[in-house]
């Protein structure tokens, strides 16, 4: 290989390494770390006390168009049914794009759902950040409400174990609808 080509290849490898390192660093935080979790195998825990409304970590991944997002979501869910792994790491971002967080440098992808979350995902432009909803003690597991739609509740059982757990990963805004589906009644009290 001529020296000019070799130099170009090394520059490209260095640039790629630099970009990957930057992506890795965006997905890390000194405020949290991955540990084993009773909720779902692995989880993310506070490494120190975290005050309310603190930006803890960025949810990083690949920016993908909705059509690709839908395809990957179906594939990831099918894989989870076979293996018991987590289902889908895709965050709804805009009308056109989503973030697929199924990358090894995305620590935040392992934050589990809870019916009593201590964190919340906030969108800033085309980025997602996890913020604390209250003061969090060092060693406490970080959780947020995944906000899944009630229409597919049976696909997403909840194992958060909190006092207010509704048994399924469904957005809090849809808990009444979930209760109606589970009891077979409508809000008027008649059987559906």
N, C-alpha and C. Protein backbone atom coordinates (compact mmCIF):
# COMPACT_ATOMS: atom_id res chain seq x y z
N UNK A 1 0.85 -1.18 0.00
CA UNK A 1 0.00 0.00 0.00
C UNK A 1 0.89 1.23 0.00
N UNK A 2 0.67 2.17 -0.93
CA UNK A 2 1.46 3.40 -0.95
C UNK A 2 1.31 4.17 0.35
N UNK A 3 2.34 4.94 0.71
CA UNK A 3 2.36 5.67 1.99
C UNK A 3 1.20 6.67 2.10
N UNK A 4 0.82 7.33 1.00
CA UNK A 4 -0.28 8.30 1.05
C UNK A 4 -1.59 7.60 1.40
N UNK A 5 -1.83 6.41 0.80
CA UNK A 5 -3.05 5.65 1.11
C UNK A 5 -3.03 5.17 2.55
N UNK A 6 -1.86 4.70 3.00
CA UNK A 6 -1.74 4.22 4.38
C UNK A 6 -2.00 5.35 5.37
N UNK A 7 -1.47 6.55 5.06
CA UNK A 7 -1.69 7.69 5.93
C UNK A 7 -3.17 8.06 5.98
N UNK A 8 -3.86 8.04 4.80
CA UNK A 8 -5.28 8.34 4.74
C UNK A 8 -6.07 7.32 5.54
N UNK A 9 -5.72 6.04 5.41
CA UNK A 9 -6.42 4.97 6.15
C UNK A 9 -6.25 5.18 7.65
N UNK A 10 -5.02 5.50 8.11
CA UNK A 10 -4.78 5.72 9.53
C UNK A 10 -5.55 6.93 10.03
N UNK A 11 -5.62 7.98 9.21
CA UNK A 11 -6.38 9.16 9.60
C UNK A 11 -7.85 8.78 9.76
N UNK A 12 -8.37 7.99 8.84
CA UNK A 12 -9.76 7.56 8.90
C UNK A 12 -9.99 6.70 10.14
N UNK A 13 -9.10 5.79 10.45
CA UNK A 13 -9.22 4.96 11.65
C UNK A 13 -9.16 5.82 12.91
N UNK A 14 -8.26 6.80 12.93
CA UNK A 14 -8.17 7.70 14.08
C UNK A 14 -9.45 8.52 14.24
N UNK A 15 -9.96 9.02 13.14
CA UNK A 15 -11.20 9.81 13.19
C UNK A 15 -12.36 8.95 13.67
N UNK A 16 -12.45 7.72 13.17
CA UNK A 16 -13.49 6.80 13.60
C UNK A 16 -13.37 6.49 15.09
N UNK A 17 -12.15 6.24 15.54
CA UNK A 17 -11.91 5.97 16.96
C UNK A 17 -12.35 7.17 17.81
N UNK A 18 -12.01 8.36 17.35
CA UNK A 18 -12.37 9.58 18.07
C UNK A 18 -13.89 9.74 18.16
N UNK A 19 -14.59 9.47 17.04
CA UNK A 19 -16.05 9.57 17.02
C UNK A 19 -16.68 8.53 17.95
N UNK A 20 -16.18 7.30 17.91
CA UNK A 20 -16.72 6.24 18.77
C UNK A 20 -16.47 6.56 20.25
N UNK A 21 -15.30 7.10 20.55
CA UNK A 21 -14.99 7.48 21.93
C UNK A 21 -15.93 8.60 22.40
N UNK A 22 -16.20 9.55 21.51
CA UNK A 22 -17.12 10.64 21.87
C UNK A 22 -18.53 10.09 22.12
N UNK A 23 -18.98 9.15 21.28
CA UNK A 23 -20.29 8.52 21.49
C UNK A 23 -20.31 7.77 22.82
N UNK A 24 -19.25 7.03 23.09
CA UNK A 24 -19.17 6.27 24.35
C UNK A 24 -19.27 7.22 25.54
N UNK A 25 -18.53 8.31 25.50
CA UNK A 25 -18.53 9.27 26.61
C UNK A 25 -19.90 9.91 26.80
N UNK A 26 -20.64 10.19 25.72
CA UNK A 26 -21.98 10.77 25.84
C UNK A 26 -22.92 9.82 26.57
N UNK A 27 -22.70 8.52 26.45
CA UNK A 27 -23.57 7.53 27.07
C UNK A 27 -23.17 7.13 28.48
N UNK A 28 -22.21 7.84 29.08
CA UNK A 28 -21.73 7.54 30.43
C UNK A 28 -22.01 8.73 31.35
N UNK A 29 -22.01 8.47 32.65
CA UNK A 29 -22.19 9.54 33.62
C UNK A 29 -21.56 9.11 34.95
N UNK A 30 -20.93 10.04 35.61
CA UNK A 30 -20.36 9.76 36.92
C UNK A 30 -21.45 9.61 37.98
N UNK A 31 -22.68 9.97 37.64
CA UNK A 31 -23.79 9.90 38.59
C UNK A 31 -24.44 8.52 38.66
N UNK A 32 -24.09 7.62 37.73
CA UNK A 32 -24.76 6.31 37.74
C UNK A 32 -23.87 5.23 37.16
N UNK A 33 -24.27 3.97 37.46
CA UNK A 33 -23.54 2.81 36.94
C UNK A 33 -24.50 1.63 36.80
N UNK A 34 -24.09 0.66 36.00
CA UNK A 34 -24.90 -0.54 35.77
C UNK A 34 -24.61 -1.56 36.86
N UNK A 35 -25.68 -2.18 37.37
CA UNK A 35 -25.57 -3.26 38.37
C UNK A 35 -26.71 -4.25 38.11
N UNK A 36 -26.67 -5.36 38.82
CA UNK A 36 -27.77 -6.31 38.76
C UNK A 36 -29.02 -5.70 39.37
N UNK A 37 -30.19 -6.07 38.82
CA UNK A 37 -31.45 -5.49 39.27
C UNK A 37 -32.50 -6.56 39.49
N UNK A 38 -33.29 -6.41 40.54
CA UNK A 38 -34.41 -7.29 40.79
C UNK A 38 -35.57 -7.05 39.85
N UNK A 39 -35.59 -5.90 39.19
CA UNK A 39 -36.68 -5.59 38.27
C UNK A 39 -36.51 -6.37 36.97
N UNK A 40 -35.31 -6.29 36.38
CA UNK A 40 -35.12 -6.97 35.10
C UNK A 40 -33.64 -7.22 34.83
N UNK A 41 -33.04 -8.11 35.55
CA UNK A 41 -31.66 -8.53 35.28
C UNK A 41 -30.60 -7.49 35.58
N UNK A 42 -30.56 -6.44 34.78
CA UNK A 42 -29.61 -5.35 35.01
C UNK A 42 -30.39 -4.04 35.09
N UNK A 43 -29.80 -3.10 35.82
CA UNK A 43 -30.40 -1.79 35.96
C UNK A 43 -29.32 -0.75 36.13
N UNK A 44 -29.72 0.50 36.30
CA UNK A 44 -28.79 1.60 36.47
C UNK A 44 -29.04 2.20 37.85
N UNK A 45 -27.97 2.42 38.60
CA UNK A 45 -28.06 2.86 39.99
C UNK A 45 -27.28 4.16 40.19
N UNK A 46 -27.79 4.99 41.09
CA UNK A 46 -27.11 6.23 41.46
C UNK A 46 -25.82 5.90 42.20
N UNK A 47 -24.73 6.51 41.80
CA UNK A 47 -23.45 6.31 42.48
C UNK A 47 -23.25 7.29 43.63
N UNK A 48 -24.17 8.25 43.74
CA UNK A 48 -24.12 9.27 44.79
C UNK A 48 -25.52 9.86 44.94
N UNK A 49 -25.72 10.67 45.96
CA UNK A 49 -27.00 11.35 46.09
C UNK A 49 -27.19 12.29 44.89
N UNK A 50 -28.40 12.29 44.33
CA UNK A 50 -28.71 13.12 43.16
C UNK A 50 -29.89 14.01 43.52
N UNK A 51 -29.71 15.33 43.47
CA UNK A 51 -30.82 16.25 43.78
C UNK A 51 -31.93 16.20 42.72
N UNK A 52 -33.11 16.62 43.11
CA UNK A 52 -34.26 16.72 42.21
C UNK A 52 -33.92 17.57 40.98
N UNK A 53 -34.44 17.18 39.82
CA UNK A 53 -34.30 17.88 38.55
C UNK A 53 -32.85 17.97 38.05
N UNK A 54 -32.04 16.98 38.40
CA UNK A 54 -30.66 16.91 37.91
C UNK A 54 -30.61 16.14 36.60
N UNK A 55 -29.87 16.65 35.61
CA UNK A 55 -29.62 15.91 34.38
C UNK A 55 -28.62 14.81 34.73
N UNK A 56 -29.04 13.56 34.59
CA UNK A 56 -28.21 12.44 35.03
C UNK A 56 -27.37 11.86 33.90
N UNK A 57 -28.02 11.56 32.77
CA UNK A 57 -27.31 10.89 31.68
C UNK A 57 -28.08 11.09 30.38
N UNK A 58 -27.36 11.06 29.28
CA UNK A 58 -28.01 11.14 27.96
C UNK A 58 -28.37 9.74 27.48
N UNK A 59 -29.53 9.63 26.86
CA UNK A 59 -29.96 8.39 26.21
C UNK A 59 -29.46 8.48 24.77
N UNK A 60 -28.42 7.73 24.45
CA UNK A 60 -27.78 7.84 23.13
C UNK A 60 -28.13 6.65 22.26
N UNK A 61 -27.93 6.82 20.97
CA UNK A 61 -28.15 5.72 20.03
C UNK A 61 -28.13 6.24 18.61
N UNK A 62 -28.65 5.41 17.74
CA UNK A 62 -28.66 5.73 16.32
C UNK A 62 -29.94 6.48 15.96
N UNK A 63 -29.80 7.59 15.26
CA UNK A 63 -30.94 8.35 14.77
C UNK A 63 -31.48 7.62 13.54
N UNK A 64 -32.73 7.18 13.61
CA UNK A 64 -33.31 6.41 12.50
C UNK A 64 -34.68 6.98 12.11
N UNK A 65 -35.07 6.76 10.87
CA UNK A 65 -36.37 7.22 10.39
C UNK A 65 -37.46 6.29 10.93
N UNK A 66 -38.68 6.79 10.97
CA UNK A 66 -39.82 6.06 11.56
C UNK A 66 -40.03 4.68 10.93
N UNK A 67 -39.93 4.58 9.61
CA UNK A 67 -40.14 3.29 8.96
C UNK A 67 -39.15 2.25 9.47
N UNK A 68 -37.89 2.64 9.57
CA UNK A 68 -36.86 1.74 10.11
C UNK A 68 -37.11 1.46 11.59
N UNK A 69 -37.57 2.47 12.31
CA UNK A 69 -37.88 2.33 13.73
C UNK A 69 -38.96 1.27 13.94
N UNK A 70 -40.02 1.34 13.13
CA UNK A 70 -41.10 0.35 13.25
C UNK A 70 -40.58 -1.06 13.01
N UNK A 71 -39.75 -1.22 11.98
CA UNK A 71 -39.18 -2.54 11.65
C UNK A 71 -38.32 -3.06 12.81
N UNK A 72 -37.44 -2.21 13.30
CA UNK A 72 -36.56 -2.62 14.40
C UNK A 72 -37.35 -2.92 15.67
N UNK A 73 -38.37 -2.12 15.93
CA UNK A 73 -39.19 -2.36 17.11
C UNK A 73 -39.82 -3.74 17.09
N UNK A 74 -40.36 -4.13 15.95
CA UNK A 74 -40.97 -5.46 15.80
C UNK A 74 -39.90 -6.54 15.98
N UNK A 75 -38.74 -6.35 15.34
CA UNK A 75 -37.64 -7.33 15.44
C UNK A 75 -37.13 -7.45 16.88
N UNK A 76 -36.95 -6.31 17.56
CA UNK A 76 -36.45 -6.35 18.94
C UNK A 76 -37.46 -7.00 19.87
N UNK A 77 -38.75 -6.74 19.65
CA UNK A 77 -39.78 -7.37 20.49
C UNK A 77 -39.80 -8.88 20.26
N UNK A 78 -39.71 -9.32 19.01
CA UNK A 78 -39.70 -10.76 18.70
C UNK A 78 -38.50 -11.42 19.37
N UNK A 79 -37.35 -10.75 19.34
CA UNK A 79 -36.15 -11.28 19.99
C UNK A 79 -36.37 -11.40 21.50
N UNK A 80 -37.02 -10.41 22.09
CA UNK A 80 -37.23 -10.43 23.54
C UNK A 80 -38.17 -11.57 23.95
N UNK A 81 -39.15 -11.86 23.12
CA UNK A 81 -40.08 -12.96 23.41
C UNK A 81 -39.32 -14.29 23.45
N UNK A 82 -38.37 -14.46 22.53
CA UNK A 82 -37.58 -15.71 22.46
C UNK A 82 -36.58 -15.82 23.59
N UNK A 83 -35.93 -14.69 23.96
CA UNK A 83 -34.79 -14.74 24.88
C UNK A 83 -35.08 -14.26 26.29
N UNK A 84 -36.14 -13.46 26.47
CA UNK A 84 -36.40 -12.87 27.77
C UNK A 84 -35.61 -11.60 28.00
N UNK A 85 -34.81 -11.18 27.01
CA UNK A 85 -34.07 -9.93 27.10
C UNK A 85 -35.05 -8.76 27.09
N UNK A 86 -34.54 -7.58 27.37
CA UNK A 86 -35.38 -6.38 27.30
C UNK A 86 -35.95 -6.26 25.90
N UNK A 87 -37.10 -5.65 25.81
CA UNK A 87 -37.84 -5.63 24.54
C UNK A 87 -37.29 -4.63 23.54
N UNK A 88 -37.55 -3.35 23.74
CA UNK A 88 -37.27 -2.36 22.72
C UNK A 88 -36.55 -1.17 23.35
N UNK A 89 -35.50 -0.72 22.68
CA UNK A 89 -34.71 0.41 23.16
C UNK A 89 -34.95 1.67 22.32
N UNK A 90 -36.09 1.75 21.64
CA UNK A 90 -36.34 2.86 20.73
C UNK A 90 -37.15 3.95 21.42
N UNK A 91 -36.64 5.18 21.32
CA UNK A 91 -37.30 6.35 21.89
C UNK A 91 -37.93 7.16 20.76
N UNK A 92 -39.20 7.49 20.90
CA UNK A 92 -39.88 8.37 19.97
C UNK A 92 -39.26 9.76 20.08
N UNK A 93 -38.85 10.34 18.95
CA UNK A 93 -38.15 11.62 19.00
C UNK A 93 -38.93 12.74 18.31
N UNK A 94 -39.19 12.58 17.02
CA UNK A 94 -39.93 13.57 16.25
C UNK A 94 -40.92 12.84 15.35
N UNK A 95 -41.65 13.59 14.52
CA UNK A 95 -42.56 12.94 13.57
C UNK A 95 -41.80 12.10 12.55
N UNK A 96 -40.54 12.44 12.30
CA UNK A 96 -39.76 11.75 11.28
C UNK A 96 -38.71 10.80 11.85
N UNK A 97 -38.19 11.08 13.05
CA UNK A 97 -37.05 10.32 13.56
C UNK A 97 -37.30 9.76 14.97
N UNK A 98 -36.60 8.67 15.26
CA UNK A 98 -36.52 8.06 16.58
C UNK A 98 -35.05 7.81 16.90
N UNK A 99 -34.78 7.46 18.15
CA UNK A 99 -33.44 7.05 18.56
C UNK A 99 -33.49 5.57 18.92
N UNK A 100 -32.67 4.77 18.25
CA UNK A 100 -32.52 3.36 18.62
C UNK A 100 -31.33 3.28 19.57
N UNK A 101 -31.63 3.09 20.85
CA UNK A 101 -30.60 3.06 21.88
C UNK A 101 -29.98 1.69 22.11
N UNK A 102 -30.19 0.76 21.20
CA UNK A 102 -29.66 -0.59 21.34
C UNK A 102 -28.20 -0.64 20.91
N UNK A 103 -27.37 0.12 21.62
CA UNK A 103 -25.93 0.16 21.38
C UNK A 103 -25.21 -0.02 22.73
N UNK A 104 -24.07 -0.70 22.74
CA UNK A 104 -23.43 -1.02 24.01
C UNK A 104 -22.97 0.17 24.84
N UNK A 105 -22.78 1.33 24.21
CA UNK A 105 -22.31 2.50 24.98
C UNK A 105 -23.46 3.30 25.57
N UNK A 106 -24.69 2.82 25.43
CA UNK A 106 -25.85 3.52 25.96
C UNK A 106 -26.23 2.95 27.33
N UNK A 107 -25.59 3.43 28.36
CA UNK A 107 -25.90 2.99 29.72
C UNK A 107 -27.37 3.20 30.05
N UNK A 108 -27.95 4.32 29.61
CA UNK A 108 -29.34 4.67 29.95
C UNK A 108 -30.35 3.65 29.43
N UNK A 109 -29.98 2.84 28.43
CA UNK A 109 -30.92 1.85 27.90
C UNK A 109 -31.30 0.82 28.95
N UNK A 110 -30.49 0.71 30.00
CA UNK A 110 -30.72 -0.29 31.04
C UNK A 110 -31.49 0.27 32.24
N UNK A 111 -31.95 1.52 32.14
CA UNK A 111 -32.80 2.07 33.19
C UNK A 111 -34.16 1.40 33.07
N UNK A 112 -34.60 0.78 34.13
CA UNK A 112 -35.84 0.01 34.11
C UNK A 112 -37.07 0.90 34.32
N UNK A 113 -38.22 0.36 33.92
CA UNK A 113 -39.51 1.01 34.13
C UNK A 113 -39.94 0.83 35.57
N UNK A 114 -40.68 1.80 36.09
CA UNK A 114 -41.34 1.67 37.38
C UNK A 114 -42.66 2.43 37.34
N UNK A 115 -43.63 1.90 38.07
CA UNK A 115 -44.92 2.59 38.23
C UNK A 115 -44.77 3.77 39.19
N UNK A 116 -43.68 3.82 39.94
CA UNK A 116 -43.34 4.96 40.81
C UNK A 116 -41.93 5.43 40.44
N UNK A 117 -41.76 6.03 39.25
CA UNK A 117 -40.42 6.39 38.78
C UNK A 117 -39.78 7.51 39.57
N UNK A 118 -38.44 7.48 39.61
CA UNK A 118 -37.70 8.57 40.23
C UNK A 118 -37.00 9.44 39.18
N UNK A 119 -37.17 9.08 37.90
CA UNK A 119 -36.57 9.84 36.80
C UNK A 119 -37.59 10.03 35.68
N UNK A 120 -37.22 10.89 34.76
CA UNK A 120 -38.07 11.18 33.61
C UNK A 120 -37.16 11.52 32.43
N UNK A 121 -37.60 11.16 31.23
CA UNK A 121 -36.85 11.48 30.02
C UNK A 121 -37.30 12.84 29.50
N UNK A 122 -36.34 13.74 29.29
CA UNK A 122 -36.62 15.06 28.76
C UNK A 122 -35.95 15.18 27.40
N UNK A 123 -36.64 15.71 26.43
CA UNK A 123 -36.09 15.91 25.10
C UNK A 123 -35.58 17.33 24.96
N UNK A 124 -34.35 17.45 24.44
CA UNK A 124 -33.74 18.73 24.14
C UNK A 124 -33.26 18.66 22.69
N UNK A 125 -33.99 19.30 21.79
CA UNK A 125 -33.67 19.18 20.36
C UNK A 125 -33.85 17.74 19.94
N UNK A 126 -32.80 17.15 19.36
CA UNK A 126 -32.85 15.74 18.95
C UNK A 126 -32.09 14.85 19.94
N UNK A 127 -32.03 15.28 21.18
CA UNK A 127 -31.36 14.49 22.21
C UNK A 127 -32.34 14.21 23.35
N UNK A 128 -32.12 13.09 24.02
CA UNK A 128 -32.92 12.68 25.16
C UNK A 128 -32.00 12.61 26.38
N UNK A 129 -32.43 13.25 27.48
CA UNK A 129 -31.67 13.21 28.72
C UNK A 129 -32.57 12.67 29.83
N UNK A 130 -31.99 11.90 30.73
CA UNK A 130 -32.70 11.39 31.89
C UNK A 130 -32.44 12.34 33.05
N UNK A 131 -33.54 12.85 33.65
CA UNK A 131 -33.47 13.79 34.78
C UNK A 131 -34.16 13.17 35.99
N UNK A 132 -33.70 13.56 37.16
CA UNK A 132 -34.34 13.08 38.39
C UNK A 132 -35.66 13.82 38.62
N UNK A 133 -36.67 13.09 39.08
CA UNK A 133 -37.98 13.66 39.42
C UNK A 133 -38.06 14.06 40.89
N UNK A 134 -37.11 13.58 41.66
CA UNK A 134 -37.06 13.86 43.10
C UNK A 134 -35.62 13.63 43.55
N UNK A 135 -35.33 13.90 44.81
CA UNK A 135 -34.01 13.57 45.34
C UNK A 135 -33.85 12.05 45.31
N UNK A 136 -32.69 11.59 44.86
CA UNK A 136 -32.40 10.16 44.76
C UNK A 136 -31.18 9.87 45.63
N UNK A 137 -31.27 8.84 46.44
CA UNK A 137 -30.16 8.46 47.32
C UNK A 137 -29.13 7.65 46.55
N UNK A 138 -27.86 7.80 46.91
CA UNK A 138 -26.81 6.97 46.34
C UNK A 138 -27.14 5.50 46.56
N UNK A 139 -26.98 4.68 45.53
CA UNK A 139 -27.29 3.25 45.62
C UNK A 139 -28.70 2.90 45.19
N UNK A 140 -29.57 3.91 45.04
CA UNK A 140 -30.95 3.66 44.62
C UNK A 140 -31.00 3.39 43.12
N UNK A 141 -31.87 2.45 42.71
CA UNK A 141 -32.02 2.17 41.28
C UNK A 141 -32.77 3.31 40.60
N UNK A 142 -32.27 3.72 39.44
CA UNK A 142 -32.94 4.74 38.64
C UNK A 142 -34.03 4.08 37.80
N UNK A 143 -35.19 4.70 37.74
CA UNK A 143 -36.32 4.17 36.97
C UNK A 143 -37.07 5.32 36.31
N UNK A 144 -37.76 5.01 35.22
CA UNK A 144 -38.68 5.99 34.65
C UNK A 144 -39.87 5.26 34.05
N UNK A 145 -40.92 6.03 33.75
CA UNK A 145 -42.13 5.48 33.16
C UNK A 145 -41.91 5.35 31.66
N UNK A 146 -41.91 4.12 31.14
CA UNK A 146 -41.68 3.91 29.72
C UNK A 146 -42.81 4.48 28.87
N UNK A 147 -43.99 4.66 29.46
CA UNK A 147 -45.08 5.29 28.74
C UNK A 147 -45.63 4.47 27.59
N UNK A 148 -45.61 3.15 27.71
CA UNK A 148 -46.15 2.30 26.64
C UNK A 148 -47.65 2.49 26.51
N UNK A 149 -48.16 2.25 25.32
CA UNK A 149 -49.57 2.40 25.03
C UNK A 149 -50.35 1.22 25.59
N UNK A 150 -51.52 1.50 26.12
CA UNK A 150 -52.38 0.49 26.75
C UNK A 150 -52.85 -0.57 25.75
N UNK A 151 -52.86 -0.25 24.46
CA UNK A 151 -53.36 -1.19 23.45
C UNK A 151 -52.54 -2.48 23.39
N UNK A 152 -51.28 -2.44 23.79
CA UNK A 152 -50.45 -3.65 23.76
C UNK A 152 -49.96 -4.01 25.16
N UNK A 153 -50.77 -3.71 26.19
CA UNK A 153 -50.34 -3.90 27.58
C UNK A 153 -49.93 -5.33 27.89
N UNK A 154 -50.61 -6.31 27.30
CA UNK A 154 -50.32 -7.72 27.62
C UNK A 154 -48.90 -8.12 27.22
N UNK A 155 -48.32 -7.41 26.27
CA UNK A 155 -46.95 -7.70 25.82
C UNK A 155 -45.89 -7.19 26.79
N UNK A 156 -46.31 -6.38 27.79
CA UNK A 156 -45.33 -5.72 28.64
C UNK A 156 -45.68 -5.83 30.12
N UNK A 157 -45.52 -7.02 30.72
CA UNK A 157 -45.78 -7.12 32.16
C UNK A 157 -44.76 -6.30 32.95
N UNK A 158 -45.21 -5.72 34.04
CA UNK A 158 -44.34 -4.90 34.88
C UNK A 158 -43.87 -5.72 36.08
N UNK A 159 -42.59 -5.57 36.42
CA UNK A 159 -42.02 -6.27 37.56
C UNK A 159 -41.37 -5.29 38.54
N UNK A 160 -41.89 -4.05 38.57
CA UNK A 160 -41.24 -3.02 39.39
C UNK A 160 -41.38 -3.29 40.89
N UNK A 161 -42.47 -3.96 41.28
CA UNK A 161 -42.64 -4.32 42.68
C UNK A 161 -43.03 -3.18 43.61
N UNK A 162 -43.40 -2.02 43.07
CA UNK A 162 -43.79 -0.91 43.93
C UNK A 162 -45.21 -1.11 44.45
N UNK A 163 -45.57 -0.38 45.50
CA UNK A 163 -46.91 -0.49 46.08
C UNK A 163 -48.01 -0.15 45.07
N UNK A 164 -47.71 0.76 44.14
CA UNK A 164 -48.73 1.19 43.18
C UNK A 164 -48.62 0.48 41.84
N UNK A 165 -47.84 -0.59 41.75
CA UNK A 165 -47.64 -1.29 40.47
C UNK A 165 -48.98 -1.77 39.92
N UNK A 166 -49.24 -1.49 38.64
CA UNK A 166 -50.49 -1.90 38.00
C UNK A 166 -50.33 -3.21 37.24
N UNK A 167 -49.13 -3.79 37.28
CA UNK A 167 -48.91 -5.10 36.67
C UNK A 167 -48.47 -5.07 35.22
N UNK A 168 -48.58 -3.92 34.59
CA UNK A 168 -48.18 -3.79 33.19
C UNK A 168 -47.48 -2.46 32.98
N UNK A 169 -46.58 -2.42 31.99
CA UNK A 169 -45.85 -1.20 31.68
C UNK A 169 -46.74 -0.36 30.75
N UNK A 170 -47.52 0.50 31.36
CA UNK A 170 -48.47 1.36 30.66
C UNK A 170 -48.30 2.77 31.24
N UNK A 171 -48.37 3.77 30.36
CA UNK A 171 -48.21 5.15 30.85
C UNK A 171 -49.27 5.46 31.90
N UNK A 172 -48.85 6.20 32.88
CA UNK A 172 -49.73 6.56 34.00
C UNK A 172 -51.04 7.18 33.52
N UNK A 173 -50.97 7.95 32.44
CA UNK A 173 -52.17 8.60 31.90
C UNK A 173 -53.21 7.58 31.42
N UNK A 174 -52.81 6.34 31.19
CA UNK A 174 -53.72 5.33 30.67
C UNK A 174 -54.08 4.26 31.72
N UNK A 175 -53.77 4.50 32.97
CA UNK A 175 -54.07 3.50 34.01
C UNK A 175 -55.57 3.24 34.14
N UNK A 176 -56.39 4.28 34.01
CA UNK A 176 -57.84 4.07 34.10
C UNK A 176 -58.32 3.17 32.96
N UNK A 177 -57.81 3.42 31.76
CA UNK A 177 -58.18 2.59 30.61
C UNK A 177 -57.71 1.15 30.82
N UNK A 178 -56.52 0.98 31.39
CA UNK A 178 -56.02 -0.36 31.69
C UNK A 178 -56.94 -1.07 32.68
N UNK A 179 -57.33 -0.35 33.72
CA UNK A 179 -58.24 -0.95 34.71
C UNK A 179 -59.54 -1.39 34.05
N UNK A 180 -60.07 -0.57 33.15
CA UNK A 180 -61.30 -0.94 32.44
C UNK A 180 -61.08 -2.21 31.61
N UNK A 181 -59.95 -2.30 30.94
CA UNK A 181 -59.65 -3.49 30.14
C UNK A 181 -59.51 -4.72 31.02
N UNK A 182 -58.88 -4.56 32.17
CA UNK A 182 -58.66 -5.70 33.07
C UNK A 182 -59.94 -6.17 33.74
N UNK A 183 -60.83 -5.24 34.04
CA UNK A 183 -62.08 -5.61 34.72
C UNK A 183 -63.20 -5.88 33.73
N UNK A 184 -62.97 -5.56 32.43
CA UNK A 184 -63.99 -5.80 31.42
C UNK A 184 -65.14 -4.83 31.50
N UNK A 185 -64.93 -3.69 32.15
CA UNK A 185 -65.99 -2.70 32.27
C UNK A 185 -65.60 -1.41 31.59
N UNK A 186 -66.58 -0.67 31.17
CA UNK A 186 -66.34 0.67 30.65
C UNK A 186 -66.47 1.66 31.79
N UNK A 187 -66.15 2.89 31.52
CA UNK A 187 -66.24 3.91 32.58
C UNK A 187 -67.69 4.10 33.05
N UNK A 188 -68.69 3.66 32.27
CA UNK A 188 -70.09 3.77 32.69
C UNK A 188 -70.50 2.61 33.57
N UNK A 189 -69.59 1.63 33.76
CA UNK A 189 -69.88 0.49 34.63
C UNK A 189 -70.51 -0.68 33.93
N UNK A 190 -70.75 -0.59 32.62
CA UNK A 190 -71.34 -1.70 31.88
C UNK A 190 -70.24 -2.59 31.33
N UNK A 191 -70.53 -3.87 31.26
CA UNK A 191 -69.56 -4.82 30.70
C UNK A 191 -69.33 -4.49 29.23
N UNK A 192 -68.08 -4.66 28.81
CA UNK A 192 -67.78 -4.38 27.39
C UNK A 192 -67.96 -5.61 26.54
